[in-house]
């Protein structure tokens, strides 16, 4: 899909320089940058949802479960 957009001149020049250095087309550079940006914000959305879920959940282990886990670990001498 073709789109038209406006960006600051200095950002455009930096992108042109980077694209040449990486040996990728302008379209490829912009598509990759946009995909990275979208993925970053998607993961923030997931993190925010998980934070909301775990904010209402008890985070401490039950005492008997914690003891059972400790007993199941091998004894190590440091």
N, C-alpha and C. Protein backbone atom coordinates (compact mmCIF):
# COMPACT_ATOMS: atom_id res chain seq x y z
N UNK A 1 0.85 -1.17 0.00
CA UNK A 1 0.00 0.00 0.00
C UNK A 1 0.89 1.23 0.00
N UNK A 2 0.53 2.20 -0.77
CA UNK A 2 1.28 3.45 -0.81
C UNK A 2 0.61 4.45 0.11
N UNK A 3 1.45 5.23 0.82
CA UNK A 3 0.95 6.29 1.69
C UNK A 3 1.84 7.52 1.51
N UNK A 4 1.29 8.65 1.84
CA UNK A 4 2.07 9.89 1.84
C UNK A 4 2.05 10.42 3.27
N UNK A 5 3.20 10.87 3.74
CA UNK A 5 3.27 11.40 5.09
C UNK A 5 4.32 12.50 5.15
N UNK A 6 4.25 13.28 6.18
CA UNK A 6 5.20 14.37 6.38
C UNK A 6 6.04 14.08 7.61
N UNK A 7 7.35 14.24 7.47
CA UNK A 7 8.26 14.08 8.60
C UNK A 7 9.27 15.23 8.56
N UNK A 8 9.89 15.54 9.68
CA UNK A 8 10.89 16.60 9.70
C UNK A 8 12.07 16.27 8.78
N UNK A 9 12.64 17.31 8.19
CA UNK A 9 13.75 17.13 7.25
C UNK A 9 14.92 16.36 7.86
N UNK A 10 15.28 16.69 9.11
CA UNK A 10 16.43 16.02 9.72
C UNK A 10 16.17 14.53 9.94
N UNK A 11 14.93 14.16 10.26
CA UNK A 11 14.59 12.75 10.42
C UNK A 11 14.67 12.03 9.07
N UNK A 12 14.18 12.70 8.02
CA UNK A 12 14.25 12.13 6.68
C UNK A 12 15.70 11.88 6.27
N UNK A 13 16.55 12.86 6.50
CA UNK A 13 17.97 12.71 6.13
C UNK A 13 18.63 11.59 6.92
N UNK A 14 18.31 11.49 8.20
CA UNK A 14 18.87 10.40 9.02
C UNK A 14 18.41 9.04 8.51
N UNK A 15 17.15 8.97 8.12
CA UNK A 15 16.61 7.71 7.59
C UNK A 15 17.27 7.36 6.26
N UNK A 16 17.48 8.35 5.42
CA UNK A 16 18.15 8.11 4.15
C UNK A 16 19.56 7.58 4.36
N UNK A 17 20.27 8.19 5.29
CA UNK A 17 21.64 7.76 5.59
C UNK A 17 21.65 6.33 6.12
N UNK A 18 20.74 6.04 7.04
CA UNK A 18 20.66 4.70 7.61
C UNK A 18 20.31 3.67 6.54
N UNK A 19 19.34 3.98 5.71
CA UNK A 19 18.94 3.06 4.65
C UNK A 19 20.10 2.73 3.72
N UNK A 20 20.89 3.74 3.36
CA UNK A 20 22.05 3.51 2.50
C UNK A 20 23.09 2.65 3.21
N UNK A 21 23.32 2.96 4.48
CA UNK A 21 24.31 2.20 5.25
C UNK A 21 23.89 0.73 5.38
N UNK A 22 22.60 0.50 5.57
CA UNK A 22 22.10 -0.87 5.73
C UNK A 22 21.86 -1.56 4.39
N UNK A 23 21.85 -0.78 3.32
CA UNK A 23 21.60 -1.37 2.01
C UNK A 23 20.17 -1.80 1.80
N UNK A 24 19.23 -1.05 2.38
CA UNK A 24 17.80 -1.37 2.21
C UNK A 24 17.09 -0.19 1.55
N UNK A 25 16.02 -0.49 0.90
CA UNK A 25 15.25 0.56 0.24
C UNK A 25 14.55 1.42 1.29
N UNK A 26 14.14 2.60 0.85
CA UNK A 26 13.40 3.50 1.75
C UNK A 26 12.12 2.82 2.23
N UNK A 27 11.42 2.16 1.33
CA UNK A 27 10.18 1.48 1.71
C UNK A 27 10.44 0.41 2.75
N UNK A 28 11.50 -0.37 2.54
CA UNK A 28 11.84 -1.44 3.49
C UNK A 28 12.21 -0.87 4.85
N UNK A 29 12.99 0.21 4.85
CA UNK A 29 13.39 0.84 6.11
C UNK A 29 12.18 1.35 6.89
N UNK A 30 11.30 2.05 6.21
CA UNK A 30 10.12 2.61 6.88
C UNK A 30 9.18 1.50 7.35
N UNK A 31 9.00 0.48 6.54
CA UNK A 31 8.12 -0.63 6.92
C UNK A 31 8.67 -1.36 8.14
N UNK A 32 9.99 -1.58 8.16
CA UNK A 32 10.61 -2.25 9.30
C UNK A 32 10.50 -1.40 10.56
N UNK A 33 10.76 -0.11 10.43
CA UNK A 33 10.67 0.79 11.58
C UNK A 33 9.25 0.84 12.13
N UNK A 34 8.27 0.90 11.25
CA UNK A 34 6.88 0.94 11.69
C UNK A 34 6.47 -0.38 12.35
N UNK A 35 6.91 -1.49 11.79
CA UNK A 35 6.60 -2.81 12.38
C UNK A 35 7.20 -2.92 13.78
N UNK A 36 8.43 -2.45 13.96
CA UNK A 36 9.06 -2.46 15.29
C UNK A 36 8.29 -1.59 16.27
N UNK A 37 7.87 -0.43 15.82
CA UNK A 37 7.13 0.50 16.68
C UNK A 37 5.80 -0.11 17.13
N UNK A 38 5.09 -0.69 16.18
CA UNK A 38 3.80 -1.33 16.48
C UNK A 38 4.00 -2.49 17.46
N UNK A 39 4.99 -3.32 17.22
CA UNK A 39 5.26 -4.47 18.10
C UNK A 39 5.60 -4.00 19.52
N UNK A 40 6.38 -2.95 19.63
CA UNK A 40 6.75 -2.41 20.94
C UNK A 40 5.52 -1.97 21.71
N UNK A 41 4.61 -1.30 21.03
CA UNK A 41 3.42 -0.82 21.72
C UNK A 41 2.42 -1.93 21.99
N UNK A 42 2.42 -2.97 21.18
CA UNK A 42 1.56 -4.13 21.45
C UNK A 42 2.03 -4.83 22.71
N UNK A 43 3.35 -4.97 22.87
CA UNK A 43 3.86 -5.64 24.06
C UNK A 43 3.58 -4.82 25.31
N UNK A 44 3.58 -3.50 25.19
CA UNK A 44 3.22 -2.65 26.34
C UNK A 44 1.77 -2.88 26.73
N UNK A 45 0.91 -3.08 25.73
CA UNK A 45 -0.50 -3.33 25.98
C UNK A 45 -0.67 -4.64 26.75
N UNK A 46 0.05 -5.67 26.32
CA UNK A 46 0.00 -6.97 27.00
C UNK A 46 0.52 -6.82 28.43
N UNK A 47 1.63 -6.11 28.59
CA UNK A 47 2.20 -5.91 29.92
C UNK A 47 1.21 -5.18 30.82
N UNK A 48 0.56 -4.16 30.30
CA UNK A 48 -0.42 -3.41 31.09
C UNK A 48 -1.58 -4.30 31.52
N UNK A 49 -2.03 -5.17 30.62
CA UNK A 49 -3.11 -6.09 30.97
C UNK A 49 -2.68 -7.08 32.04
N UNK A 50 -1.47 -7.62 31.89
CA UNK A 50 -0.97 -8.56 32.91
C UNK A 50 -0.78 -7.86 34.25
N UNK A 51 -0.27 -6.64 34.23
CA UNK A 51 -0.12 -5.88 35.47
C UNK A 51 -1.47 -5.69 36.15
N UNK A 52 -2.50 -5.40 35.36
CA UNK A 52 -3.83 -5.22 35.93
C UNK A 52 -4.35 -6.50 36.57
N UNK A 53 -4.12 -7.63 35.93
CA UNK A 53 -4.56 -8.92 36.48
C UNK A 53 -3.81 -9.22 37.77
N UNK A 54 -2.49 -9.10 37.73
CA UNK A 54 -1.69 -9.47 38.89
C UNK A 54 -1.78 -8.47 40.04
N UNK A 55 -2.28 -7.28 39.76
CA UNK A 55 -2.45 -6.29 40.83
C UNK A 55 -3.53 -6.73 41.82
N UNK A 56 -4.45 -7.56 41.35
CA UNK A 56 -5.55 -8.01 42.21
C UNK A 56 -5.30 -9.40 42.79
N UNK A 57 -4.23 -10.04 42.39
CA UNK A 57 -3.92 -11.39 42.84
C UNK A 57 -2.90 -11.37 43.97
N UNK A 58 -3.03 -12.28 44.87
CA UNK A 58 -2.05 -12.45 45.94
C UNK A 58 -0.76 -12.97 45.33
N UNK A 59 0.34 -12.36 45.69
CA UNK A 59 1.61 -12.76 45.07
C UNK A 59 2.46 -13.64 45.98
N UNK A 60 2.08 -13.78 47.23
CA UNK A 60 2.84 -14.62 48.14
C UNK A 60 2.39 -16.07 48.03
N UNK A 61 3.35 -16.97 48.16
CA UNK A 61 3.02 -18.39 48.17
C UNK A 61 2.45 -18.79 49.52
N UNK A 62 1.57 -19.74 49.48
CA UNK A 62 1.05 -20.32 50.71
C UNK A 62 2.23 -20.91 51.49
N UNK A 63 2.24 -20.77 52.79
CA UNK A 63 3.35 -21.22 53.63
C UNK A 63 3.66 -22.69 53.43
N UNK A 64 2.64 -23.54 53.38
CA UNK A 64 2.89 -24.98 53.22
C UNK A 64 3.47 -25.29 51.84
N UNK A 65 3.04 -24.59 50.82
CA UNK A 65 3.59 -24.78 49.49
C UNK A 65 5.05 -24.32 49.43
N UNK A 66 5.34 -23.19 50.05
CA UNK A 66 6.71 -22.69 50.08
C UNK A 66 7.63 -23.68 50.78
N UNK A 67 7.18 -24.26 51.89
CA UNK A 67 7.98 -25.25 52.61
C UNK A 67 8.20 -26.50 51.76
N UNK A 68 7.16 -26.95 51.07
CA UNK A 68 7.28 -28.14 50.22
C UNK A 68 8.27 -27.88 49.09
N UNK A 69 8.24 -26.71 48.52
CA UNK A 69 9.19 -26.37 47.46
C UNK A 69 10.62 -26.37 48.01
N UNK A 70 10.80 -25.79 49.18
CA UNK A 70 12.13 -25.73 49.79
C UNK A 70 12.66 -27.14 50.06
N UNK A 71 11.79 -28.05 50.52
CA UNK A 71 12.21 -29.43 50.80
C UNK A 71 12.57 -30.18 49.51
N UNK A 72 11.98 -29.80 48.40
CA UNK A 72 12.23 -30.51 47.15
C UNK A 72 13.57 -30.12 46.50
N UNK A 73 14.16 -29.03 46.95
CA UNK A 73 15.44 -28.59 46.38
C UNK A 73 16.59 -29.39 46.99
N UNK A 74 17.56 -29.74 46.16
CA UNK A 74 18.71 -30.46 46.71
C UNK A 74 19.55 -29.53 47.60
N UNK A 75 20.18 -30.11 48.58
CA UNK A 75 21.05 -29.34 49.46
C UNK A 75 22.36 -29.05 48.72
N UNK A 76 22.75 -27.80 48.71
CA UNK A 76 23.98 -27.39 48.03
C UNK A 76 24.89 -26.69 49.02
N UNK A 77 26.17 -26.98 48.93
CA UNK A 77 27.11 -26.24 49.75
C UNK A 77 27.77 -25.20 48.88
N UNK A 78 27.76 -23.99 49.31
CA UNK A 78 28.32 -22.91 48.54
C UNK A 78 29.72 -22.77 48.95
